[in-house]
Amino acid sequence: MEQTTFVEELVHCMDKEDLENYKAEGNTAFCLAAMSGNVEIAEILFCKNPWLLWIRDQKHMLPIEIASSAGQIPMTKFLFRKISEDPHHKLSFPDIVKLFFLTINNNIYSKLMHISSFLNSNML
């Protein structure tokens, strides 16, 4: 795809810290990718800077919460997988509760069994 090729070239020219900048209405590029559901672009950004998973938007929402609130099922699944694989960070209990209700409110509750599994193995 031309869209992802262009993004790959741009990201290649940037430092990983550049991706942490808030530009578009207080969002990072990663937050915008989460909102739009563009998993390919999110993967490119994530490969350059895995810390992007944990940078909140102007409403203090994590990218996974943004994706869930926008009903982006593939993106929510992608982000949850990446969060689950991160050995250094875990979702806080308030974030898990928020994500739980976002998935219910946006009819993407099929992700709840992943959240339940995550809770059992990491929080309880």
PDB file of N, CA and C in Angstrom:
ATOM      1  N   MET A   1       0.840  -1.193   0.000  1.00  0.00           N
ATOM      2  CA  MET A   1       0.000   0.000   0.000  1.00  0.00           C
ATOM      3  C   MET A   1       0.876   1.245   0.000  1.00  0.00           C
ATOM      4  N   GLU A   2       0.464   2.213  -0.775  1.00  0.00           N
ATOM      5  CA  GLU A   2       1.210   3.466  -0.820  1.00  0.00           C
ATOM      6  C   GLU A   2       1.136   4.203   0.511  1.00  0.00           C
ATOM      7  N   GLN A   3      -0.003   4.131   1.163  1.00  0.00           N
ATOM      8  CA  GLN A   3      -0.188   4.837   2.429  1.00  0.00           C
ATOM      9  C   GLN A   3       0.813   4.351   3.475  1.00  0.00           C
ATOM     10  N   THR A   4       0.964   3.058   3.610  1.00  0.00           N
ATOM     11  CA  THR A   4       1.880   2.552   4.626  1.00  0.00           C
ATOM     12  C   THR A   4       3.332   2.726   4.208  1.00  0.00           C
ATOM     13  N   THR A   5       3.618   2.670   2.926  1.00  0.00           N
ATOM     14  CA  THR A   5       4.984   2.904   2.455  1.00  0.00           C
ATOM     15  C   THR A   5       5.420   4.312   2.804  1.00  0.00           C
ATOM     16  N   PHE A   6       4.552   5.268   2.580  1.00  0.00           N
ATOM     17  CA  PHE A   6       4.849   6.658   2.906  1.00  0.00           C
ATOM     18  C   PHE A   6       5.090   6.820   4.408  1.00  0.00           C
ATOM     19  N   VAL A   7       4.227   6.212   5.215  1.00  0.00           N
ATOM     20  CA  VAL A   7       4.371   6.289   6.668  1.00  0.00           C
ATOM     21  C   VAL A   7       5.674   5.620   7.102  1.00  0.00           C
ATOM     22  N   GLU A   8       5.985   4.473   6.529  1.00  0.00           N
ATOM     23  CA  GLU A   8       7.240   3.790   6.865  1.00  0.00           C
ATOM     24  C   GLU A   8       8.446   4.679   6.586  1.00  0.00           C
ATOM     25  N   GLU A   9       8.437   5.361   5.448  1.00  0.00           N
ATOM     26  CA  GLU A   9       9.544   6.247   5.095  1.00  0.00           C
ATOM     27  C   GLU A   9       9.647   7.422   6.068  1.00  0.00           C
ATOM     28  N   LEU A  10       8.517   7.998   6.424  1.00  0.00           N
ATOM     29  CA  LEU A  10       8.520   9.100   7.392  1.00  0.00           C
ATOM     30  C   LEU A  10       9.038   8.650   8.756  1.00  0.00           C
ATOM     31  N   VAL A  11       8.523   7.542   9.229  1.00  0.00           N
ATOM     32  CA  VAL A  11       8.909   7.038  10.546  1.00  0.00           C
ATOM     33  C   VAL A  11      10.391   6.676  10.568  1.00  0.00           C
ATOM     34  N   HIS A  12      10.885   6.149   9.477  1.00  0.00           N
ATOM     35  CA  HIS A  12      12.308   5.799   9.385  1.00  0.00           C
ATOM     36  C   HIS A  12      13.201   7.027   9.588  1.00  0.00           C
ATOM     37  N   CYS A  13      12.730   8.189   9.151  1.00  0.00           N
ATOM     38  CA  CYS A  13      13.507   9.432   9.261  1.00  0.00           C
ATOM     39  C   CYS A  13      13.387  10.089  10.634  1.00  0.00           C
ATOM     40  N   MET A  14      12.519   9.577  11.474  1.00  0.00           N
ATOM     41  CA  MET A  14      12.248  10.207  12.769  1.00  0.00           C
ATOM     42  C   MET A  14      12.955   9.478  13.902  1.00  0.00           C
ATOM     43  N   ASP A  15      13.201  10.222  14.981  1.00  0.00           N
ATOM     44  CA  ASP A  15      13.639   9.601  16.227  1.00  0.00           C
ATOM     45  C   ASP A  15      12.405   9.029  16.910  1.00  0.00           C
ATOM     46  N   LYS A  16      12.601   8.011  17.736  1.00  0.00           N
ATOM     47  CA  LYS A  16      11.436   7.421  18.400  1.00  0.00           C
ATOM     48  C   LYS A  16      10.732   8.420  19.309  1.00  0.00           C
ATOM     49  N   GLU A  17      11.476   9.370  19.873  1.00  0.00           N
ATOM     50  CA  GLU A  17      10.868  10.384  20.733  1.00  0.00           C
ATOM     51  C   GLU A  17       9.952  11.322  19.946  1.00  0.00           C
ATOM     52  N   ASP A  18      10.236  11.511  18.660  1.00  0.00           N
ATOM     53  CA  ASP A  18       9.375  12.356  17.829  1.00  0.00           C
ATOM     54  C   ASP A  18       7.952  11.815  17.786  1.00  0.00           C
ATOM     55  N   LEU A  19       7.805  10.506  17.872  1.00  0.00           N
ATOM     56  CA  LEU A  19       6.480   9.887  17.813  1.00  0.00           C
ATOM     57  C   LEU A  19       5.675  10.107  19.089  1.00  0.00           C
ATOM     58  N   GLU A  20       6.336  10.574  20.134  1.00  0.00           N
ATOM     59  CA  GLU A  20       5.650  10.831  21.401  1.00  0.00           C
ATOM     60  C   GLU A  20       5.042  12.228  21.465  1.00  0.00           C
ATOM     61  N   ASN A  21       5.287  13.035  20.458  1.00  0.00           N
ATOM     62  CA  ASN A  21       4.773  14.405  20.444  1.00  0.00           C
ATOM     63  C   ASN A  21       3.274  14.427  20.202  1.00  0.00           C
ATOM     64  N   TYR A  22       2.621  15.323  20.910  1.00  0.00           N
ATOM     65  CA  TYR A  22       1.190  15.549  20.722  1.00  0.00           C
ATOM     66  C   TYR A  22       1.032  16.623  19.661  1.00  0.00           C
ATOM     67  N   LYS A  23       0.342  16.307  18.602  1.00  0.00           N
ATOM     68  CA  LYS A  23       0.149  17.290  17.538  1.00  0.00           C
ATOM     69  C   LYS A  23      -1.336  17.523  17.266  1.00  0.00           C
ATOM     70  N   ALA A  24      -1.966  16.581  16.633  1.00  0.00           N
ATOM     71  CA  ALA A  24      -3.342  16.751  16.169  1.00  0.00           C
ATOM     72  C   ALA A  24      -4.320  16.757  17.339  1.00  0.00           C
ATOM     73  N   GLU A  25      -4.762  17.936  17.717  1.00  0.00           N
ATOM     74  CA  GLU A  25      -5.754  18.105  18.782  1.00  0.00           C
ATOM     75  C   GLU A  25      -5.362  17.365  20.060  1.00  0.00           C
ATOM     76  N   GLY A  26      -4.089  17.398  20.405  1.00  0.00           N
ATOM     77  CA  GLY A  26      -3.628  16.770  21.635  1.00  0.00           C
ATOM     78  C   GLY A  26      -3.437  15.273  21.554  1.00  0.00           C
ATOM     79  N   ASN A  27      -3.339  14.743  20.344  1.00  0.00           N
ATOM     80  CA  ASN A  27      -3.150  13.312  20.157  1.00  0.00           C
ATOM     81  C   ASN A  27      -1.803  13.020  19.519  1.00  0.00           C
ATOM     82  N   THR A  28      -1.250  11.860  19.832  1.00  0.00           N
ATOM     83  CA  THR A  28      -0.078  11.388  19.110  1.00  0.00           C
ATOM     84  C   THR A  28      -0.554  10.721  17.819  1.00  0.00           C
ATOM     85  N   ALA A  29       0.367  10.482  16.911  1.00  0.00           N
ATOM     86  CA  ALA A  29       0.026   9.760  15.676  1.00  0.00           C
ATOM     87  C   ALA A  29      -0.488   8.362  16.012  1.00  0.00           C
ATOM     88  N   PHE A  30       0.056   7.762  17.063  1.00  0.00           N
ATOM     89  CA  PHE A  30      -0.376   6.426  17.471  1.00  0.00           C
ATOM     90  C   PHE A  30      -1.824   6.452  17.964  1.00  0.00           C
ATOM     91  N   CYS A  31      -2.188   7.482  18.717  1.00  0.00           N
ATOM     92  CA  CYS A  31      -3.579   7.626  19.168  1.00  0.00           C
ATOM     93  C   CYS A  31      -4.519   7.781  17.977  1.00  0.00           C
ATOM     94  N   LEU A  32      -4.092   8.535  16.979  1.00  0.00           N
ATOM     95  CA  LEU A  32      -4.920   8.708  15.779  1.00  0.00           C
ATOM     96  C   LEU A  32      -5.062   7.398  15.015  1.00  0.00           C
ATOM     97  N   ALA A  33      -3.985   6.624  14.937  1.00  0.00           N
ATOM     98  CA  ALA A  33      -4.062   5.311  14.287  1.00  0.00           C
ATOM     99  C   ALA A  33      -5.023   4.401  15.051  1.00  0.00           C
ATOM    100  N   ALA A  34      -4.975   4.459  16.386  1.00  0.00           N
ATOM    101  CA  ALA A  34      -5.888   3.661  17.212  1.00  0.00           C
ATOM    102  C   ALA A  34      -7.336   4.068  16.968  1.00  0.00           C
ATOM    103  N   MET A  35      -7.572   5.367  16.901  1.00  0.00           N
ATOM    104  CA  MET A  35      -8.917   5.894  16.690  1.00  0.00           C
ATOM    105  C   MET A  35      -9.470   5.483  15.323  1.00  0.00           C
ATOM    106  N   SER A  36      -8.614   5.533  14.310  1.00  0.00           N
ATOM    107  CA  SER A  36      -9.060   5.222  12.950  1.00  0.00           C
ATOM    108  C   SER A  36      -9.074   3.728  12.665  1.00  0.00           C
ATOM    109  N   GLY A  37      -8.413   2.942  13.523  1.00  0.00           N
ATOM    110  CA  GLY A  37      -8.397   1.501  13.330  1.00  0.00           C
ATOM    111  C   GLY A  37      -7.374   1.011  12.327  1.00  0.00           C
ATOM    112  N   ASN A  38      -6.394   1.841  11.999  1.00  0.00           N
ATOM    113  CA  ASN A  38      -5.391   1.451  11.010  1.00  0.00           C
ATOM    114  C   ASN A  38      -4.273   0.655  11.689  1.00  0.00           C
ATOM    115  N   VAL A  39      -4.453  -0.657  11.717  1.00  0.00           N
ATOM    116  CA  VAL A  39      -3.520  -1.549  12.406  1.00  0.00           C
ATOM    117  C   VAL A  39      -2.149  -1.539  11.739  1.00  0.00           C
ATOM    118  N   GLU A  40      -2.116  -1.452  10.417  1.00  0.00           N
ATOM    119  CA  GLU A  40      -0.823  -1.452   9.716  1.00  0.00           C
ATOM    120  C   GLU A  40       0.040  -0.260  10.133  1.00  0.00           C
ATOM    121  N   ILE A  41      -0.556   0.901  10.189  1.00  0.00           N
ATOM    122  CA  ILE A  41       0.194   2.092  10.602  1.00  0.00           C
ATOM    123  C   ILE A  41       0.561   1.995  12.080  1.00  0.00           C
ATOM    124  N   ALA A  42      -0.352   1.504  12.900  1.00  0.00           N
ATOM    125  CA  ALA A  42      -0.043   1.334  14.325  1.00  0.00           C
ATOM    126  C   ALA A  42       1.146   0.395  14.513  1.00  0.00           C
ATOM    127  N   GLU A  43       1.207  -0.657  13.737  1.00  0.00           N
ATOM    128  CA  GLU A  43       2.330  -1.610  13.822  1.00  0.00           C
ATOM    129  C   GLU A  43       3.648  -0.933  13.460  1.00  0.00           C
ATOM    130  N   ILE A  44       3.645  -0.108  12.430  1.00  0.00           N
ATOM    131  CA  ILE A  44       4.851   0.626  12.019  1.00  0.00           C
ATOM    132  C   ILE A  44       5.314   1.544  13.146  1.00  0.00           C
ATOM    133  N   LEU A  45       4.379   2.290  13.720  1.00  0.00           N
ATOM    134  CA  LEU A  45       4.706   3.215  14.806  1.00  0.00           C
ATOM    135  C   LEU A  45       5.178   2.462  16.046  1.00  0.00           C
ATOM    136  N   PHE A  46       4.480   1.381  16.368  1.00  0.00           N
ATOM    137  CA  PHE A  46       4.833   0.579  17.543  1.00  0.00           C
ATOM    138  C   PHE A  46       6.237  -0.011  17.413  1.00  0.00           C
ATOM    139  N   CYS A  47       6.581  -0.493  16.228  1.00  0.00           N
ATOM    140  CA  CYS A  47       7.920  -1.074  16.021  1.00  0.00           C
ATOM    141  C   CYS A  47       9.013  -0.042  16.275  1.00  0.00           C
ATOM    142  N   LYS A  48       8.741   1.203  15.957  1.00  0.00           N
ATOM    143  CA  LYS A  48       9.720   2.268  16.187  1.00  0.00           C
ATOM    144  C   LYS A  48       9.781   2.654  17.667  1.00  0.00           C
ATOM    145  N   ASN A  49       8.611   2.638  18.337  1.00  0.00           N
ATOM    146  CA  ASN A  49       8.565   3.083  19.731  1.00  0.00           C
ATOM    147  C   ASN A  49       7.449   2.354  20.497  1.00  0.00           C
ATOM    148  N   PRO A  50       7.777   1.220  21.137  1.00  0.00           N
ATOM    149  CA  PRO A  50       6.773   0.460  21.886  1.00  0.00           C
ATOM    150  C   PRO A  50       6.136   1.233  23.051  1.00  0.00           C
ATOM    151  N   TRP A  51       6.794   2.264  23.534  1.00  0.00           N
ATOM    152  CA  TRP A  51       6.253   3.070  24.637  1.00  0.00           C
ATOM    153  C   TRP A  51       4.947   3.759  24.238  1.00  0.00           C
ATOM    154  N   LEU A  52       4.678   3.879  22.950  1.00  0.00           N
ATOM    155  CA  LEU A  52       3.460   4.544  22.480  1.00  0.00           C
ATOM    156  C   LEU A  52       2.190   3.895  23.031  1.00  0.00           C
ATOM    157  N   LEU A  53       2.256   2.620  23.384  1.00  0.00           N
ATOM    158  CA  LEU A  53       1.104   1.933  23.989  1.00  0.00           C
ATOM    159  C   LEU A  53       0.607   2.628  25.249  1.00  0.00           C
ATOM    160  N   TRP A  54       1.508   3.315  25.935  1.00  0.00           N
ATOM    161  CA  TRP A  54       1.222   3.840  27.263  1.00  0.00           C
ATOM    162  C   TRP A  54       1.060   5.355  27.298  1.00  0.00           C
ATOM    163  N   ILE A  55       1.111   6.011  26.145  1.00  0.00           N
ATOM    164  CA  ILE A  55       0.955   7.473  26.101  1.00  0.00           C
ATOM    165  C   ILE A  55      -0.523   7.806  25.919  1.00  0.00           C
ATOM    166  N   ARG A  56      -1.061   8.560  26.854  1.00  0.00           N
ATOM    167  CA  ARG A  56      -2.488   8.897  26.859  1.00  0.00           C
ATOM    168  C   ARG A  56      -2.772  10.122  25.988  1.00  0.00           C
ATOM    169  N   ASP A  57      -4.016  10.222  25.564  1.00  0.00           N
ATOM    170  CA  ASP A  57      -4.429  11.371  24.756  1.00  0.00           C
ATOM    171  C   ASP A  57      -4.855  12.532  25.655  1.00  0.00           C
ATOM    172  N   GLN A  58      -5.426  13.572  25.051  1.00  0.00           N
ATOM    173  CA  GLN A  58      -5.819  14.757  25.810  1.00  0.00           C
ATOM    174  C   GLN A  58      -6.949  14.464  26.791  1.00  0.00           C
ATOM    175  N   LYS A  59      -7.685  13.367  26.600  1.00  0.00           N
ATOM    176  CA  LYS A  59      -8.750  12.978  27.530  1.00  0.00           C
ATOM    177  C   LYS A  59      -8.257  11.945  28.545  1.00  0.00           C
ATOM    178  N   HIS A  60      -6.960  11.747  28.569  1.00  0.00           N
ATOM    179  CA  HIS A  60      -6.301  10.820  29.490  1.00  0.00           C
ATOM    180  C   HIS A  60      -6.665   9.360  29.200  1.00  0.00           C
ATOM    181  N   MET A  61      -6.896   9.064  27.918  1.00  0.00           N
ATOM    182  CA  MET A  61      -7.218   7.696  27.511  1.00  0.00           C
ATOM    183  C   MET A  61      -6.003   7.050  26.855  1.00  0.00           C
ATOM    184  N   LEU A  62      -5.791   5.790  27.173  1.00  0.00           N
ATOM    185  CA  LEU A  62      -4.754   5.011  26.507  1.00  0.00           C
ATOM    186  C   LEU A  62      -5.205   4.679  25.084  1.00  0.00           C
ATOM    187  N   PRO A  63      -4.276   4.400  24.174  1.00  0.00           N
ATOM    188  CA  PRO A  63      -4.666   4.038  22.806  1.00  0.00           C
ATOM    189  C   PRO A  63      -5.661   2.877  22.738  1.00  0.00           C
ATOM    190  N   ILE A  64      -5.517   1.872  23.611  1.00  0.00           N
ATOM    191  CA  ILE A  64      -6.466   0.754  23.589  1.00  0.00           C
ATOM    192  C   ILE A  64      -7.867   1.221  23.984  1.00  0.00           C
ATOM    193  N   GLU A  65      -7.952   2.182  24.881  1.00  0.00           N
ATOM    194  CA  GLU A  65      -9.254   2.728  25.271  1.00  0.00           C
ATOM    195  C   GLU A  65      -9.839   3.564  24.138  1.00  0.00           C
ATOM    196  N   ILE A  66      -8.980   4.271  23.420  1.00  0.00           N
ATOM    197  CA  ILE A  66      -9.424   5.059  22.267  1.00  0.00           C
ATOM    198  C   ILE A  66      -9.987   4.131  21.197  1.00  0.00           C
ATOM    199  N   ALA A  67      -9.255   3.071  20.893  1.00  0.00           N
ATOM    200  CA  ALA A  67      -9.702   2.117  19.873  1.00  0.00           C
ATOM    201  C   ALA A  67     -11.019   1.463  20.277  1.00  0.00           C
ATOM    202  N   SER A  68     -11.123   1.084  21.538  1.00  0.00           N
ATOM    203  CA  SER A  68     -12.337   0.455  22.032  1.00  0.00           C
ATOM    204  C   SER A  68     -13.521   1.415  21.974  1.00  0.00           C
ATOM    205  N   SER A  69     -13.292   2.666  22.361  1.00  0.00           N
ATOM    206  CA  SER A  69     -14.387   3.647  22.342  1.00  0.00           C
ATOM    207  C   SER A  69     -14.841   3.955  20.921  1.00  0.00           C
ATOM    208  N   ALA A  70     -13.952   3.759  19.948  1.00  0.00           N
ATOM    209  CA  ALA A  70     -14.305   3.984  18.543  1.00  0.00           C
ATOM    210  C   ALA A  70     -14.852   2.719  17.883  1.00  0.00           C
ATOM    211  N   GLY A  71     -14.948   1.631  18.643  1.00  0.00           N
ATOM    212  CA  GLY A  71     -15.478   0.382  18.100  1.00  0.00           C
ATOM    213  C   GLY A  71     -14.539  -0.316  17.129  1.00  0.00           C
ATOM    214  N   GLN A  72     -13.265  -0.056  17.255  1.00  0.00           N
ATOM    215  CA  GLN A  72     -12.260  -0.628  16.345  1.00  0.00           C
ATOM    216  C   GLN A  72     -11.803  -1.989  16.876  1.00  0.00           C
ATOM    217  N   ILE A  73     -12.517  -3.039  16.517  1.00  0.00           N
ATOM    218  CA  ILE A  73     -12.248  -4.370  17.059  1.00  0.00           C
ATOM    219  C   ILE A  73     -10.852  -4.889  16.698  1.00  0.00           C
ATOM    220  N   PRO A  74     -10.451  -4.893  15.414  1.00  0.00           N
ATOM    221  CA  PRO A  74      -9.099  -5.399  15.109  1.00  0.00           C
ATOM    222  C   PRO A  74      -8.002  -4.599  15.812  1.00  0.00           C
ATOM    223  N   MET A  75      -8.181  -3.290  15.910  1.00  0.00           N
ATOM    224  CA  MET A  75      -7.185  -2.456  16.581  1.00  0.00           C
ATOM    225  C   MET A  75      -7.158  -2.755  18.077  1.00  0.00           C
ATOM    226  N   THR A  76      -8.318  -2.892  18.698  1.00  0.00           N
ATOM    227  CA  THR A  76      -8.379  -3.214  20.118  1.00  0.00           C
ATOM    228  C   THR A  76      -7.681  -4.545  20.384  1.00  0.00           C
ATOM    229  N   LYS A  77      -7.933  -5.507  19.526  1.00  0.00           N
ATOM    230  CA  LYS A  77      -7.300  -6.816  19.664  1.00  0.00           C
ATOM    231  C   LYS A  77      -5.779  -6.711  19.505  1.00  0.00           C
ATOM    232  N   PHE A  78      -5.324  -5.964  18.511  1.00  0.00           N
ATOM    233  CA  PHE A  78      -3.891  -5.745  18.279  1.00  0.00           C
ATOM    234  C   PHE A  78      -3.240  -5.093  19.501  1.00  0.00           C
ATOM    235  N   LEU A  79      -3.850  -4.031  20.001  1.00  0.00           N
ATOM    236  CA  LEU A  79      -3.284  -3.308  21.143  1.00  0.00           C
ATOM    237  C   LEU A  79      -3.286  -4.159  22.407  1.00  0.00           C
ATOM    238  N   PHE A  80      -4.352  -4.915  22.606  1.00  0.00           N
ATOM    239  CA  PHE A  80      -4.401  -5.769  23.792  1.00  0.00           C
ATOM    240  C   PHE A  80      -3.305  -6.828  23.740  1.00  0.00           C
ATOM    241  N   ARG A  81      -3.074  -7.384  22.548  1.00  0.00           N
ATOM    242  CA  ARG A  81      -2.000  -8.371  22.392  1.00  0.00           C
ATOM    243  C   ARG A  81      -0.646  -7.748  22.725  1.00  0.00           C
ATOM    244  N   LYS A  82      -0.412  -6.541  22.229  1.00  0.00           N
ATOM    245  CA  LYS A  82       0.864  -5.866  22.493  1.00  0.00           C
ATOM    246  C   LYS A  82       1.022  -5.529  23.974  1.00  0.00           C
ATOM    247  N   ILE A  83      -0.055  -5.092  24.608  1.00  0.00           N
ATOM    248  CA  ILE A  83      -0.009  -4.786  26.040  1.00  0.00           C
ATOM    249  C   ILE A  83       0.270  -6.061  26.840  1.00  0.00           C
ATOM    250  N   SER A  84      -0.388  -7.150  26.469  1.00  0.00           N
ATOM    251  CA  SER A  84      -0.195  -8.420  27.177  1.00  0.00           C
ATOM    252  C   SER A  84       1.229  -8.937  27.050  1.00  0.00           C
ATOM    253  N   GLU A  85       1.886  -8.609  25.949  1.00  0.00           N
ATOM    254  CA  GLU A  85       3.260  -9.065  25.708  1.00  0.00           C
ATOM    255  C   GLU A  85       4.309  -8.175  26.372  1.00  0.00           C
ATOM    256  N   ASP A  86       3.906  -7.022  26.891  1.00  0.00           N
ATOM    257  CA  ASP A  86       4.858  -6.087  27.494  1.00  0.00           C
ATOM    258  C   ASP A  86       5.242  -6.573  28.893  1.00  0.00           C
ATOM    259  N   PRO A  87       6.501  -6.996  29.080  1.00  0.00           N
ATOM    260  CA  PRO A  87       6.891  -7.533  30.384  1.00  0.00           C
ATOM    261  C   PRO A  87       7.134  -6.463  31.455  1.00  0.00           C
ATOM    262  N   HIS A  88       7.201  -5.206  31.046  1.00  0.00           N
ATOM    263  CA  HIS A  88       7.572  -4.137  31.976  1.00  0.00           C
ATOM    264  C   HIS A  88       6.394  -3.308  32.480  1.00  0.00           C
ATOM    265  N   HIS A  89       5.262  -3.394  31.806  1.00  0.00           N
ATOM    266  CA  HIS A  89       4.114  -2.565  32.177  1.00  0.00           C
ATOM    267  C   HIS A  89       2.849  -3.414  32.170  1.00  0.00           C
ATOM    268  N   LYS A  90       1.902  -3.018  32.998  1.00  0.00           N
ATOM    269  CA  LYS A  90       0.604  -3.681  33.055  1.00  0.00           C
ATOM    270  C   LYS A  90      -0.482  -2.622  33.108  1.00  0.00           C
ATOM    271  N   LEU A  91      -1.650  -2.982  32.600  1.00  0.00           N
ATOM    272  CA  LEU A  91      -2.792  -2.087  32.736  1.00  0.00           C
ATOM    273  C   LEU A  91      -3.141  -1.970  34.211  1.00  0.00           C
ATOM    274  N   SER A  92      -3.434  -0.760  34.631  1.00  0.00           N
ATOM    275  CA  SER A  92      -3.873  -0.561  36.014  1.00  0.00           C
ATOM    276  C   SER A  92      -5.307  -1.066  36.151  1.00  0.00           C
ATOM    277  N   PHE A  93      -5.708  -1.349  37.369  1.00  0.00           N
ATOM    278  CA  PHE A  93      -7.076  -1.810  37.588  1.00  0.00           C
ATOM    279  C   PHE A  93      -8.104  -0.796  37.078  1.00  0.00           C
ATOM    280  N   PRO A  94      -7.949   0.518  37.353  1.00  0.00           N
ATOM    281  CA  PRO A  94      -8.918   1.480  36.808  1.00  0.00           C
ATOM    282  C   PRO A  94      -8.976   1.454  35.271  1.00  0.00           C
ATOM    283  N   ASP A  95      -7.830   1.242  34.618  1.00  0.00           N
ATOM    284  CA  ASP A  95      -7.838   1.155  33.156  1.00  0.00           C
ATOM    285  C   ASP A  95      -8.545  -0.106  32.677  1.00  0.00           C
ATOM    286  N   ILE A  96      -8.383  -1.203  33.404  1.00  0.00           N
ATOM    287  CA  ILE A  96      -9.072  -2.442  33.039  1.00  0.00           C
ATOM    288  C   ILE A  96     -10.581  -2.265  33.176  1.00  0.00           C
ATOM    289  N   VAL A  97     -11.013  -1.632  34.256  1.00  0.00           N
ATOM    290  CA  VAL A  97     -12.445  -1.386  34.462  1.00  0.00           C
ATOM    291  C   VAL A  97     -12.985  -0.483  33.353  1.00  0.00           C
ATOM    292  N   LYS A  98     -12.251   0.575  33.042  1.00  0.00           N
ATOM    293  CA  LYS A  98     -12.673   1.492  31.976  1.00  0.00           C
ATOM    294  C   LYS A  98     -12.779   0.754  30.646  1.00  0.00           C
ATOM    295  N   LEU A  99     -11.790  -0.067  30.340  1.00  0.00           N
ATOM    296  CA  LEU A  99     -11.798  -0.835  29.101  1.00  0.00           C
ATOM    297  C   LEU A  99     -12.964  -1.817  29.072  1.00  0.00           C
ATOM    298  N   PHE A 100     -13.237  -2.439  30.187  1.00  0.00           N
ATOM    299  CA  PHE A 100     -14.372  -3.353  30.316  1.00  0.00           C
ATOM    300  C   PHE A 100     -15.673  -2.660  29.910  1.00  0.00           C
ATOM    301  N   PHE A 101     -15.922  -1.480  30.467  1.00  0.00           N
ATOM    302  CA  PHE A 101     -17.161  -0.771  30.159  1.00  0.00           C
ATOM    303  C   PHE A 101     -17.175  -0.215  28.738  1.00  0.00           C
ATOM    304  N   LEU A 102     -16.027   0.187  28.233  1.00  0.00           N
ATOM    305  CA  LEU A 102     -15.970   0.651  26.842  1.00  0.00           C
ATOM    306  C   LEU A 102     -16.318  -0.470  25.875  1.00  0.00           C
ATOM    307  N   THR A 103     -15.838  -1.680  26.154  1.00  0.00           N
ATOM    308  CA  THR A 103     -16.149  -2.792  25.257  1.00  0.00           C
ATOM    309  C   THR A 103     -17.635  -3.145  25.304  1.00  0.00           C
ATOM    310  N   ILE A 104     -18.236  -3.029  26.474  1.00  0.00           N
ATOM    311  CA  ILE A 104     -19.679  -3.279  26.579  1.00  0.00           C
ATOM    312  C   ILE A 104     -20.455  -2.182  25.852  1.00  0.00           C
ATOM    313  N   ASN A 105     -20.123  -0.935  26.127  1.00  0.00           N
ATOM    314  CA  ASN A 105     -20.843   0.191  25.523  1.00  0.00           C
ATOM    315  C   ASN A 105     -20.733   0.218  24.009  1.00  0.00           C
ATOM    316  N   ASN A 106     -19.657  -0.322  23.472  1.00  0.00           N
ATOM    317  CA  ASN A 106     -19.434  -0.267  22.031  1.00  0.00           C
ATOM    318  C   ASN A 106     -19.625  -1.614  21.345  1.00  0.00           C
ATOM    319  N   ASN A 107     -20.309  -2.539  22.036  1.00  0.00           N
ATOM    320  CA  ASN A 107     -20.641  -3.849  21.476  1.00  0.00           C
ATOM    321  C   ASN A 107     -19.435  -4.607  20.939  1.00  0.00           C
ATOM    322  N   ILE A 108     -18.320  -4.497  21.626  1.00  0.00           N
ATOM    323  CA  ILE A 108     -17.156  -5.310  21.260  1.00  0.00           C
ATOM    324  C   ILE A 108     -16.758  -6.169  22.458  1.00  0.00           C
ATOM    325  N   TYR A 109     -17.787  -6.693  23.104  1.00  0.00           N
ATOM    326  CA  TYR A 109     -17.593  -7.454  24.331  1.00  0.00           C
ATOM    327  C   TYR A 109     -16.930  -8.802  24.124  1.00  0.00           C
ATOM    328  N   SER A 110     -16.728  -9.218  22.862  1.00  0.00           N
ATOM    329  CA  SER A 110     -15.999 -10.472  22.639  1.00  0.00           C
ATOM    330  C   SER A 110     -14.590 -10.377  23.204  1.00  0.00           C
ATOM    331  N   LYS A 111     -14.105  -9.160  23.397  1.00  0.00           N
ATOM    332  CA  LYS A 111     -12.774  -8.954  23.972  1.00  0.00           C
ATOM    333  C   LYS A 111     -12.774  -9.167  25.485  1.00  0.00           C
ATOM    334  N   LEU A 112     -13.947  -9.277  26.071  1.00  0.00           N
ATOM    335  CA  LEU A 112     -14.012  -9.401  27.528  1.00  0.00           C
ATOM    336  C   LEU A 112     -13.357 -10.672  28.040  1.00  0.00           C
ATOM    337  N   MET A 113     -13.416 -11.744  27.278  1.00  0.00           N
ATOM    338  CA  MET A 113     -12.772 -12.956  27.778  1.00  0.00           C
ATOM    339  C   MET A 113     -11.260 -12.769  27.823  1.00  0.00           C
ATOM    340  N   HIS A 114     -10.701 -11.948  26.930  1.00  0.00           N
ATOM    341  CA  HIS A 114      -9.272 -11.648  26.983  1.00  0.00           C
ATOM    342  C   HIS A 114      -8.967 -10.802  28.220  1.00  0.00           C
ATOM    343  N   ILE A 115      -9.832  -9.867  28.514  1.00  0.00           N
ATOM    344  CA  ILE A 115      -9.635  -9.024  29.693  1.00  0.00           C
ATOM    345  C   ILE A 115      -9.753  -9.869  30.956  1.00  0.00           C
ATOM    346  N   SER A 116     -10.733 -10.750  30.992  1.00  0.00           N
ATOM    347  CA  SER A 116     -10.909 -11.625  32.143  1.00  0.00           C
ATOM    348  C   SER A 116      -9.684 -12.508  32.344  1.00  0.00           C
ATOM    349  N   SER A 117      -9.180 -13.072  31.266  1.00  0.00           N
ATOM    350  CA  SER A 117      -7.973 -13.897  31.336  1.00  0.00           C
ATOM    351  C   SER A 117      -6.793 -13.076  31.828  1.00  0.00           C
ATOM    352  N   PHE A 118      -6.689 -11.850  31.329  1.00  0.00           N
ATOM    353  CA  PHE A 118      -5.610 -10.948  31.740  1.00  0.00           C
ATOM    354  C   PHE A 118      -5.721 -10.637  33.227  1.00  0.00           C
ATOM    355  N   LEU A 119      -6.938 -10.355  33.678  1.00  0.00           N
ATOM    356  CA  LEU A 119      -7.155 -10.067  35.096  1.00  0.00           C
ATOM    357  C   LEU A 119      -6.731 -11.242  35.968  1.00  0.00           C
ATOM    358  N   ASN A 120      -7.159 -12.419  35.589  1.00  0.00           N
ATOM    359  CA  ASN A 120      -6.847 -13.598  36.394  1.00  0.00           C
ATOM    360  C   ASN A 120      -5.355 -13.863  36.476  1.00  0.00           C
ATOM    361  N   SER A 121      -4.641 -13.650  35.394  1.00  0.00           N
ATOM    362  CA  SER A 121      -3.217 -13.973  35.397  1.00  0.00           C
ATOM    363  C   SER A 121      -2.334 -12.844  35.913  1.00  0.00           C
ATOM    364  N   ASN A 122      -2.808 -11.605  35.875  1.00  0.00           N
ATOM    365  CA  ASN A 122      -1.940 -10.488  36.216  1.00  0.00           C
ATOM    366  C   ASN A 122      -2.381  -9.659  37.412  1.00  0.00           C
ATOM    367  N   MET A 123      -3.623  -9.730  37.784  1.00  0.00           N
ATOM    368  CA  MET A 123      -4.103  -8.831  38.825  1.00  0.00           C
ATOM    369  C   MET A 123      -4.552  -9.575  40.088  1.00  0.00           C
ATOM    370  N   LEU A 124      -5.076 -10.756  39.939  1.00  0.00           N
ATOM    371  CA  LEU A 124      -5.672 -11.434  41.096  1.00  0.00           C
ATOM    372  C   LEU A 124      -4.715 -12.418  41.731  1.00  0.00           C
TER     373      LEU A 124
END
